[in-house]
């Protein structure tokens, strides 16, 4: 507001009027004493009529009468500063996984509100934000509920600390009308899963996750043997699908003839597989069992026996719980194929990598991703 604004008295106590380019506006100013005895004042401007001004005056006076003047600070506190205060206070008591989940959600989602004053985050604005996550960005209801749970903890802490009078963001609707079962994960959801797996899984679990992540079926991953891995050069390996472990057979034929394939990995993924081989060798030595080219990699530390097919579900269930994103073994395979196609990769090459025919790849794994939708919108509106 311009410094030379002239406030004119009205017949109503503590209410003034002033001129703007848009017309006459009203201003409320009420004096009060702070806890330290110093005098201060609470103001509110831009009120369009005398009735609105009287209502604002009543609300401010009620806060003063209830001795809740600390809530006036909310008009100065921005969300970024407050969520940092909350994190610094609460995080020392959290488990590592809780800490990382909170940080991921704030960084990737709630940072949208960082420049908002916490008192100015309205229910309608927040509901629009939730709807954007559900429909425009196509996150699962479960994941968005996790976002909302984190936001609620931040705002409730402000209420408990008398910075806010109440949590205005209660009663938010988190649902999708006619929600279809999602077969694949968006890139951002995969990134969240990757981050958690990288930070929290041991060598065997992370290596197993990698194989699922690059499109291996769970039975193919469980069937991985030392002889399946060939070192090409430093940090570069070839990993070959040789056999399949099913619910009923320790070793069985591959699903199709094209399932027999070799995938080349390098960098972090190659190092993770090699670390898993080293850990598997230690487990075999602990149980006085030879570690040969035919030895399985994903074995139980207690028994040195190959994990059952439920191991894959255990891995993805743990990811789902930690990230709030619904993840299954097949969704990871489906995601690899979908995003490979969306990225413009040759469909025959994708089919060869996954171990099925191009026709299957085209029919089953072709989806329009949210990123593709955004690109076509940008293309259509280019001028």
Protein backbone atom coordinates (compact mmCIF):
# COMPACT_ATOMS: atom_id res chain seq x y z
CA UNK A 1 0.00 0.00 0.00
CA UNK A 2 1.40 3.48 -0.84
CA UNK A 3 3.01 5.28 2.09
CA UNK A 4 0.99 8.44 1.44
CA UNK A 5 -2.35 6.68 1.83
CA UNK A 6 -4.78 8.87 3.81
CA UNK A 7 -6.97 7.02 6.28
CA UNK A 8 -10.26 8.71 7.14
CA UNK A 9 -12.32 7.98 10.24
CA UNK A 10 -15.74 6.40 10.02
CA UNK A 11 -18.53 6.33 12.59
CA UNK A 12 -17.37 2.82 13.50
CA UNK A 13 -14.60 2.55 16.08
CA UNK A 14 -11.23 1.31 14.71
CA UNK A 15 -12.52 1.36 11.12
CA UNK A 16 -11.18 3.80 8.51
CA UNK A 17 -11.71 4.34 4.81
CA UNK A 18 -9.29 5.34 2.02
CA UNK A 19 -9.30 5.87 -1.73
CA UNK A 20 -7.77 3.48 -4.29
CA UNK A 21 -7.82 3.29 -8.09
CA UNK A 22 -10.52 0.66 -7.74
CA UNK A 23 -12.63 2.84 -5.46
CA UNK A 24 -13.29 3.23 -1.75
CA UNK A 25 -11.79 0.62 0.56
CA UNK A 26 -11.85 0.06 4.33
CA UNK A 27 -9.10 -0.47 6.87
CA UNK A 28 -9.25 -1.95 10.39
CA UNK A 29 -6.71 -1.02 13.05
CA UNK A 30 -6.83 -2.33 16.66
CA UNK A 31 -4.22 -1.70 19.34
CA UNK A 32 -3.23 -4.42 21.81
CA UNK A 33 -0.48 -5.32 24.27
CA UNK A 34 2.08 -8.03 23.57
CA UNK A 35 3.20 -10.54 26.19
CA UNK A 36 6.19 -8.32 27.01
CA UNK A 37 3.88 -5.37 27.72
CA UNK A 38 4.77 -3.43 24.58
CA UNK A 39 1.95 -1.97 22.54
CA UNK A 40 1.34 -3.08 18.98
CA UNK A 41 -1.47 -3.02 16.49
CA UNK A 42 -3.19 -5.47 14.19
CA UNK A 43 -4.43 -4.15 10.87
CA UNK A 44 -6.37 -5.43 7.91
CA UNK A 45 -6.86 -3.48 4.68
CA UNK A 46 -8.49 -3.82 1.29
CA UNK A 47 -11.98 -4.49 2.73
CA UNK A 48 -14.63 -3.71 0.15
CA UNK A 49 -17.46 -2.45 2.40
CA UNK A 50 -18.28 -1.47 5.96
CA UNK A 51 -19.95 -4.80 6.73
CA UNK A 52 -16.81 -6.74 5.77
CA UNK A 53 -14.73 -4.35 7.85
CA UNK A 54 -16.96 -4.82 10.91
CA UNK A 55 -16.66 -8.60 10.56
CA UNK A 56 -12.87 -8.36 10.36
CA UNK A 57 -12.85 -6.08 13.43
CA UNK A 58 -14.90 -8.62 15.39
CA UNK A 59 -12.57 -11.49 14.42
CA UNK A 60 -9.44 -9.55 15.40
CA UNK A 61 -10.92 -8.40 18.72
CA UNK A 62 -12.00 -11.99 19.55
CA UNK A 63 -8.42 -13.20 19.07
CA UNK A 64 -7.17 -10.44 21.39
CA UNK A 65 -9.83 -11.22 24.01
CA UNK A 66 -8.86 -14.91 23.95
CA UNK A 67 -5.22 -13.91 24.38
CA UNK A 68 -4.31 -15.70 21.14
CA UNK A 69 -2.31 -12.78 19.77
CA UNK A 70 0.50 -15.13 18.81
CA UNK A 71 -1.64 -16.06 15.83
CA UNK A 72 -1.02 -12.57 14.41
CA UNK A 73 2.49 -13.76 13.59
CA UNK A 74 0.99 -16.10 11.01
CA UNK A 75 0.51 -13.13 8.71
CA UNK A 76 4.30 -12.83 8.55
CA UNK A 77 5.37 -16.50 8.54
CA UNK A 78 5.77 -18.15 5.14
CA UNK A 79 5.24 -21.86 4.67
CA UNK A 80 8.89 -22.58 3.79
CA UNK A 81 10.10 -21.20 7.12
CA UNK A 82 7.40 -22.92 9.14
CA UNK A 83 7.82 -26.39 7.65
CA UNK A 84 11.57 -26.05 8.33
CA UNK A 85 10.78 -25.17 11.96
CA UNK A 86 8.53 -28.22 12.18
CA UNK A 87 11.17 -30.47 10.59
CA UNK A 88 14.00 -29.22 12.82
CA UNK A 89 11.86 -29.85 15.91
CA UNK A 90 10.36 -33.23 15.04
CA UNK A 91 12.85 -35.01 12.77
CA UNK A 92 15.32 -36.03 15.54
CA UNK A 93 12.58 -38.33 16.86
CA UNK A 94 11.77 -39.92 13.48
CA UNK A 95 12.98 -43.16 11.98
CA UNK A 96 15.28 -42.83 8.96
CA UNK A 97 12.54 -43.91 6.53
CA UNK A 98 10.07 -41.35 7.97
CA UNK A 99 12.68 -38.64 7.66
CA UNK A 100 13.36 -39.45 3.99
CA UNK A 101 9.67 -39.80 3.10
CA UNK A 102 8.91 -36.39 4.66
CA UNK A 103 11.82 -34.76 2.81
CA UNK A 104 10.79 -36.29 -0.54
CA UNK A 105 7.17 -35.18 -0.21
CA UNK A 106 8.13 -31.64 0.80
CA UNK A 107 10.74 -31.28 -1.94
CA UNK A 108 8.66 -32.75 -4.77
CA UNK A 109 5.18 -31.58 -3.79
CA UNK A 110 4.57 -29.31 -0.79
CA UNK A 111 7.31 -26.90 -1.87
CA UNK A 112 4.52 -25.54 -4.10
CA UNK A 113 3.39 -23.55 -1.02
CA UNK A 114 6.84 -22.33 0.02
CA UNK A 115 6.15 -18.66 -0.76
CA UNK A 116 2.63 -18.68 0.71
CA UNK A 117 2.02 -17.21 4.14
CA UNK A 118 0.63 -20.06 6.19
CA UNK A 119 -2.42 -18.02 7.16
CA UNK A 120 -3.19 -17.45 3.48
CA UNK A 121 -3.36 -21.10 2.39
CA UNK A 122 -7.10 -21.45 1.94
CA UNK A 123 -9.08 -24.66 1.79
CA UNK A 124 -10.08 -24.01 -1.83
CA UNK A 125 -6.46 -23.39 -2.89
CA UNK A 126 -5.32 -26.55 -1.14
CA UNK A 127 -8.18 -28.61 -2.62
CA UNK A 128 -7.14 -27.42 -6.09
CA UNK A 129 -3.58 -28.53 -5.30
CA UNK A 130 -4.83 -32.00 -4.24
CA UNK A 131 -7.00 -32.30 -7.37
CA UNK A 132 -4.01 -31.40 -9.54
CA UNK A 133 -2.02 -34.22 -7.97
CA UNK A 134 -4.89 -36.67 -8.52
CA UNK A 135 -6.02 -35.78 -12.01
CA UNK A 136 -3.43 -33.65 -13.82
CA UNK A 137 -0.35 -35.39 -12.45
CA UNK A 138 -2.19 -38.72 -12.07
CA UNK A 139 -0.82 -39.79 -8.70
CA UNK A 140 -2.57 -42.60 -6.86
CA UNK A 141 -5.10 -41.80 -4.14
CA UNK A 142 -2.88 -43.59 -1.63
CA UNK A 143 0.13 -41.43 -2.50
CA UNK A 144 -1.88 -38.17 -2.39
CA UNK A 145 -3.23 -39.17 1.03
CA UNK A 146 0.37 -39.46 2.13
CA UNK A 147 1.03 -35.93 0.85
CA UNK A 148 -2.02 -34.66 2.72
CA UNK A 149 -0.95 -36.45 5.90
CA UNK A 150 2.38 -34.65 5.78
CA UNK A 151 0.70 -31.27 5.18
CA UNK A 152 -1.70 -31.91 8.06
CA UNK A 153 1.19 -32.60 10.45
CA UNK A 154 2.83 -29.27 9.50
CA UNK A 155 -0.36 -27.22 9.86
CA UNK A 156 -1.49 -28.96 13.06
CA UNK A 157 1.86 -28.13 14.60
CA UNK A 158 1.17 -24.46 13.85
CA UNK A 159 -2.20 -24.77 15.61
CA UNK A 160 -0.64 -26.49 18.63
CA UNK A 161 1.96 -23.72 18.84
CA UNK A 162 -0.77 -21.02 18.71
CA UNK A 163 0.49 -19.65 15.41
CA UNK A 164 -2.80 -20.58 13.71
CA UNK A 165 -6.21 -20.53 15.36
CA UNK A 166 -7.35 -23.66 13.55
CA UNK A 167 -6.51 -26.02 10.72
CA UNK A 168 -8.49 -24.68 7.77
CA UNK A 169 -7.42 -27.61 5.57
CA UNK A 170 -9.55 -30.28 7.24
CA UNK A 171 -12.21 -32.16 5.27
CA UNK A 172 -10.25 -32.23 2.02
CA UNK A 173 -11.64 -34.72 -0.51
CA UNK A 174 -9.07 -37.18 -1.81
CA UNK A 175 -10.78 -39.41 -4.32
CA UNK A 176 -10.89 -40.13 -8.02
CA UNK A 177 -14.14 -40.55 -9.86
CA UNK A 178 -14.11 -43.68 -12.02
CA UNK A 179 -10.47 -44.26 -11.18
CA UNK A 180 -8.89 -46.89 -13.38
CA UNK A 181 -6.40 -49.40 -12.11
CA UNK A 182 -2.98 -48.07 -12.93
CA UNK A 183 -0.58 -50.45 -14.64
CA UNK A 184 2.57 -48.38 -14.61
CA UNK A 185 4.36 -45.71 -12.56
CA UNK A 186 5.08 -42.15 -13.64
CA UNK A 187 8.72 -41.06 -13.84
CA UNK A 188 8.49 -39.04 -10.62
CA UNK A 189 7.04 -42.05 -8.75
CA UNK A 190 9.86 -44.23 -10.04
CA UNK A 191 12.33 -41.62 -8.84
CA UNK A 192 10.86 -41.74 -5.33
CA UNK A 193 11.11 -45.55 -5.31
CA UNK A 194 14.68 -45.42 -6.65
CA UNK A 195 15.73 -42.99 -3.94
CA UNK A 196 14.28 -45.12 -1.15
CA UNK A 197 15.75 -48.38 -2.51
CA UNK A 198 19.17 -46.78 -2.97
CA UNK A 199 19.24 -45.44 0.60
CA UNK A 200 17.60 -48.28 2.52
CA UNK A 201 18.14 -51.62 0.76
CA UNK A 202 21.15 -53.85 1.34
CA UNK A 203 23.18 -55.15 -1.61
CA UNK A 204 20.93 -58.14 -2.34
CA UNK A 205 17.65 -56.23 -2.08
CA UNK A 206 18.91 -53.31 -4.18
CA UNK A 207 20.26 -55.63 -6.90
CA UNK A 208 16.96 -57.50 -6.99
CA UNK A 209 15.06 -54.21 -7.24
CA UNK A 210 17.28 -53.19 -10.17
CA UNK A 211 16.38 -56.33 -12.13
CA UNK A 212 12.67 -55.67 -11.57
CA UNK A 213 13.26 -52.01 -12.46
CA UNK A 214 14.81 -52.88 -15.84
CA UNK A 215 11.91 -55.14 -16.75
CA UNK A 216 12.84 -58.63 -15.52
CA UNK A 217 10.05 -60.92 -14.42
CA UNK A 218 10.33 -61.92 -10.76
CA UNK A 219 10.99 -65.57 -11.60
CA UNK A 220 13.79 -64.55 -13.96
CA UNK A 221 15.39 -62.38 -11.26
CA UNK A 222 15.18 -65.15 -8.66
CA UNK A 223 16.83 -67.51 -11.13
CA UNK A 224 19.93 -65.31 -11.46
CA UNK A 225 23.15 -67.33 -11.07
CA UNK A 226 26.79 -66.35 -10.81
CA UNK A 227 27.27 -67.70 -14.33
CA UNK A 228 24.51 -65.39 -15.58
CA UNK A 229 26.78 -62.38 -15.12
CA UNK A 230 29.74 -61.59 -17.34
CA UNK A 231 32.09 -58.69 -16.70
CA UNK A 232 32.73 -56.88 -20.00
CA UNK A 233 34.97 -54.14 -18.60
CA UNK A 234 35.14 -52.01 -15.47
CA UNK A 235 31.60 -51.15 -14.35
CA UNK A 236 30.09 -52.84 -17.42
CA UNK A 237 28.42 -56.27 -17.25
CA UNK A 238 26.19 -58.50 -19.36
CA UNK A 239 23.37 -60.14 -17.41
CA UNK A 240 21.66 -63.10 -19.09
CA UNK A 241 18.28 -64.64 -18.32
CA UNK A 242 19.02 -68.37 -18.08
CA UNK A 243 16.18 -69.89 -16.08
CA UNK A 244 13.00 -69.18 -14.21
CA UNK A 245 12.05 -69.89 -10.59
CA UNK A 246 8.30 -70.40 -10.12
CA UNK A 247 6.04 -70.99 -7.14
CA UNK A 248 6.18 -74.75 -7.70
CA UNK A 249 9.57 -75.33 -9.34
CA UNK A 250 13.02 -74.26 -8.23
CA UNK A 251 14.10 -74.17 -11.85
CA UNK A 252 11.83 -74.24 -14.88
CA UNK A 253 11.73 -73.28 -18.54
CA UNK A 254 11.54 -69.62 -19.42
CA UNK A 255 8.11 -68.19 -20.19
CA UNK A 256 8.75 -67.94 -23.94
CA UNK A 257 11.61 -68.65 -26.33
CA UNK A 258 12.28 -64.92 -26.61
CA UNK A 259 12.63 -64.69 -22.82
CA UNK A 260 16.23 -65.91 -23.14
CA UNK A 261 18.12 -62.64 -23.53
CA UNK A 262 21.10 -60.63 -22.36
CA UNK A 263 20.92 -57.10 -20.98
CA UNK A 264 23.96 -54.87 -20.63
CA UNK A 265 24.26 -52.79 -17.46
CA UNK A 266 26.84 -50.22 -16.50
CA UNK A 267 27.62 -47.72 -13.76
CA UNK A 268 25.63 -47.95 -10.55
CA UNK A 269 23.49 -50.86 -11.74
CA UNK A 270 26.51 -52.94 -12.75
CA UNK A 271 28.25 -52.25 -9.44
CA UNK A 272 25.13 -53.21 -7.50
CA UNK A 273 24.87 -56.60 -9.24
CA UNK A 274 28.56 -57.31 -8.61
CA UNK A 275 28.19 -56.35 -4.94
CA UNK A 276 25.25 -58.75 -4.68
CA UNK A 277 27.40 -61.54 -6.11
CA UNK A 278 30.05 -60.80 -3.51
CA UNK A 279 27.48 -60.92 -0.72
CA UNK A 280 26.01 -64.16 -2.06
CA UNK A 281 29.49 -65.69 -2.03
CA UNK A 282 29.91 -64.74 1.63
CA UNK A 283 26.57 -66.37 2.48
CA UNK A 284 27.61 -69.57 0.69
CA UNK A 285 30.95 -69.60 2.53
CA UNK A 286 29.19 -69.10 5.87
CA UNK A 287 27.13 -72.23 5.19
CA UNK A 288 30.14 -74.17 3.83
CA UNK A 289 28.56 -74.42 0.40
CA UNK A 290 30.54 -74.07 -2.85
CA UNK A 291 29.95 -70.91 -4.83
CA UNK A 292 30.09 -71.96 -8.47
CA UNK A 293 28.79 -70.61 -11.76
CA UNK A 294 25.54 -72.49 -11.05
CA UNK A 295 25.06 -70.89 -7.62
CA UNK A 296 22.08 -68.61 -7.15
CA UNK A 297 22.60 -64.98 -6.14
CA UNK A 298 19.40 -64.18 -4.26
CA UNK A 299 19.65 -66.55 -1.32
CA UNK A 300 18.43 -66.33 2.25
CA UNK A 301 21.22 -65.35 4.66
CA UNK A 302 19.98 -67.81 7.29
CA UNK A 303 19.52 -70.87 5.09
CA UNK A 304 21.46 -70.15 1.87
CA UNK A 305 18.36 -71.28 -0.01
CA UNK A 306 16.96 -69.35 -2.98
CA UNK A 307 14.20 -66.98 -1.98
CA UNK A 308 10.64 -67.89 -2.94
CA UNK A 309 8.61 -65.91 -5.47
CA UNK A 310 7.12 -63.98 -2.52
CA UNK A 311 10.46 -62.18 -2.18
CA UNK A 312 9.57 -59.90 -5.09
CA UNK A 313 6.30 -58.91 -3.45
CA UNK A 314 8.14 -58.29 -0.17
CA UNK A 315 10.45 -55.84 -1.96
CA UNK A 316 7.67 -53.90 -3.68
CA UNK A 317 5.38 -53.92 -0.61
CA UNK A 318 8.18 -52.35 1.40
CA UNK A 319 8.60 -49.69 -1.27
CA UNK A 320 4.85 -49.02 -1.36
CA UNK A 321 4.64 -48.57 2.39
CA UNK A 322 7.68 -46.26 2.54
CA UNK A 323 6.81 -44.06 -0.45
CA UNK A 324 3.01 -44.07 -0.45
CA UNK A 325 3.06 -45.20 -4.10
CA UNK A 326 1.33 -48.45 -5.03
CA UNK A 327 4.05 -50.66 -6.55
CA UNK A 328 3.99 -54.29 -7.70
CA UNK A 329 6.69 -56.34 -9.48
CA UNK A 330 4.79 -56.32 -12.77
CA UNK A 331 4.17 -52.57 -12.53
CA UNK A 332 7.94 -52.06 -12.60
CA UNK A 333 8.24 -54.19 -15.77
CA UNK A 334 5.25 -52.40 -17.27
CA UNK A 335 6.77 -49.02 -16.36
CA UNK A 336 10.06 -49.82 -18.06
CA UNK A 337 8.29 -50.80 -21.26
CA UNK A 338 5.88 -47.86 -21.20
CA UNK A 339 8.53 -45.20 -20.66
CA UNK A 340 10.90 -46.82 -23.16
CA UNK A 341 8.19 -46.55 -25.80
CA UNK A 342 7.27 -43.03 -24.69
CA UNK A 343 10.92 -42.02 -24.96
CA UNK A 344 10.93 -43.04 -28.60
CA UNK A 345 13.01 -46.20 -28.19
CA UNK A 346 12.79 -48.65 -31.08
CA UNK A 347 9.92 -51.01 -30.29
CA UNK A 348 11.84 -54.04 -31.56
CA UNK A 349 14.79 -53.17 -29.29
CA UNK A 350 12.43 -52.76 -26.31
CA UNK A 351 10.80 -56.10 -27.06
CA UNK A 352 14.21 -57.77 -27.34
CA UNK A 353 15.29 -56.28 -24.00
CA UNK A 354 12.12 -57.47 -22.26
CA UNK A 355 12.01 -60.87 -23.92
CA UNK A 356 8.80 -60.77 -25.94
CA UNK A 357 7.60 -60.01 -29.44
CA UNK A 358 7.23 -56.44 -30.82
CA UNK A 359 3.50 -57.12 -31.27
CA UNK A 360 3.10 -57.78 -27.55
CA UNK A 361 5.17 -54.71 -26.71
CA UNK A 362 3.03 -52.53 -28.94
CA UNK A 363 -0.29 -53.96 -27.75
CA UNK A 364 0.29 -54.28 -24.00
CA UNK A 365 2.80 -51.62 -23.06
CA UNK A 366 1.73 -48.61 -25.12
CA UNK A 367 0.18 -45.89 -22.94
CA UNK A 368 -0.06 -42.13 -23.10
CA UNK A 369 1.97 -40.85 -20.15
CA UNK A 370 1.34 -37.57 -18.35
CA UNK A 371 4.60 -36.22 -19.74
CA UNK A 372 3.42 -36.98 -23.28
CA UNK A 373 0.13 -35.22 -22.57
CA UNK A 374 1.99 -32.12 -21.41
CA UNK A 375 4.20 -32.18 -24.52
CA UNK A 376 1.23 -32.38 -26.91
CA UNK A 377 -0.49 -29.53 -25.07
CA UNK A 378 2.64 -27.42 -25.45
CA UNK A 379 2.88 -28.38 -29.14
CA UNK A 380 -0.75 -27.57 -29.80
CA UNK A 381 -0.43 -24.16 -28.17
CA UNK A 382 2.87 -23.19 -29.80
CA UNK A 383 2.63 -20.04 -31.90
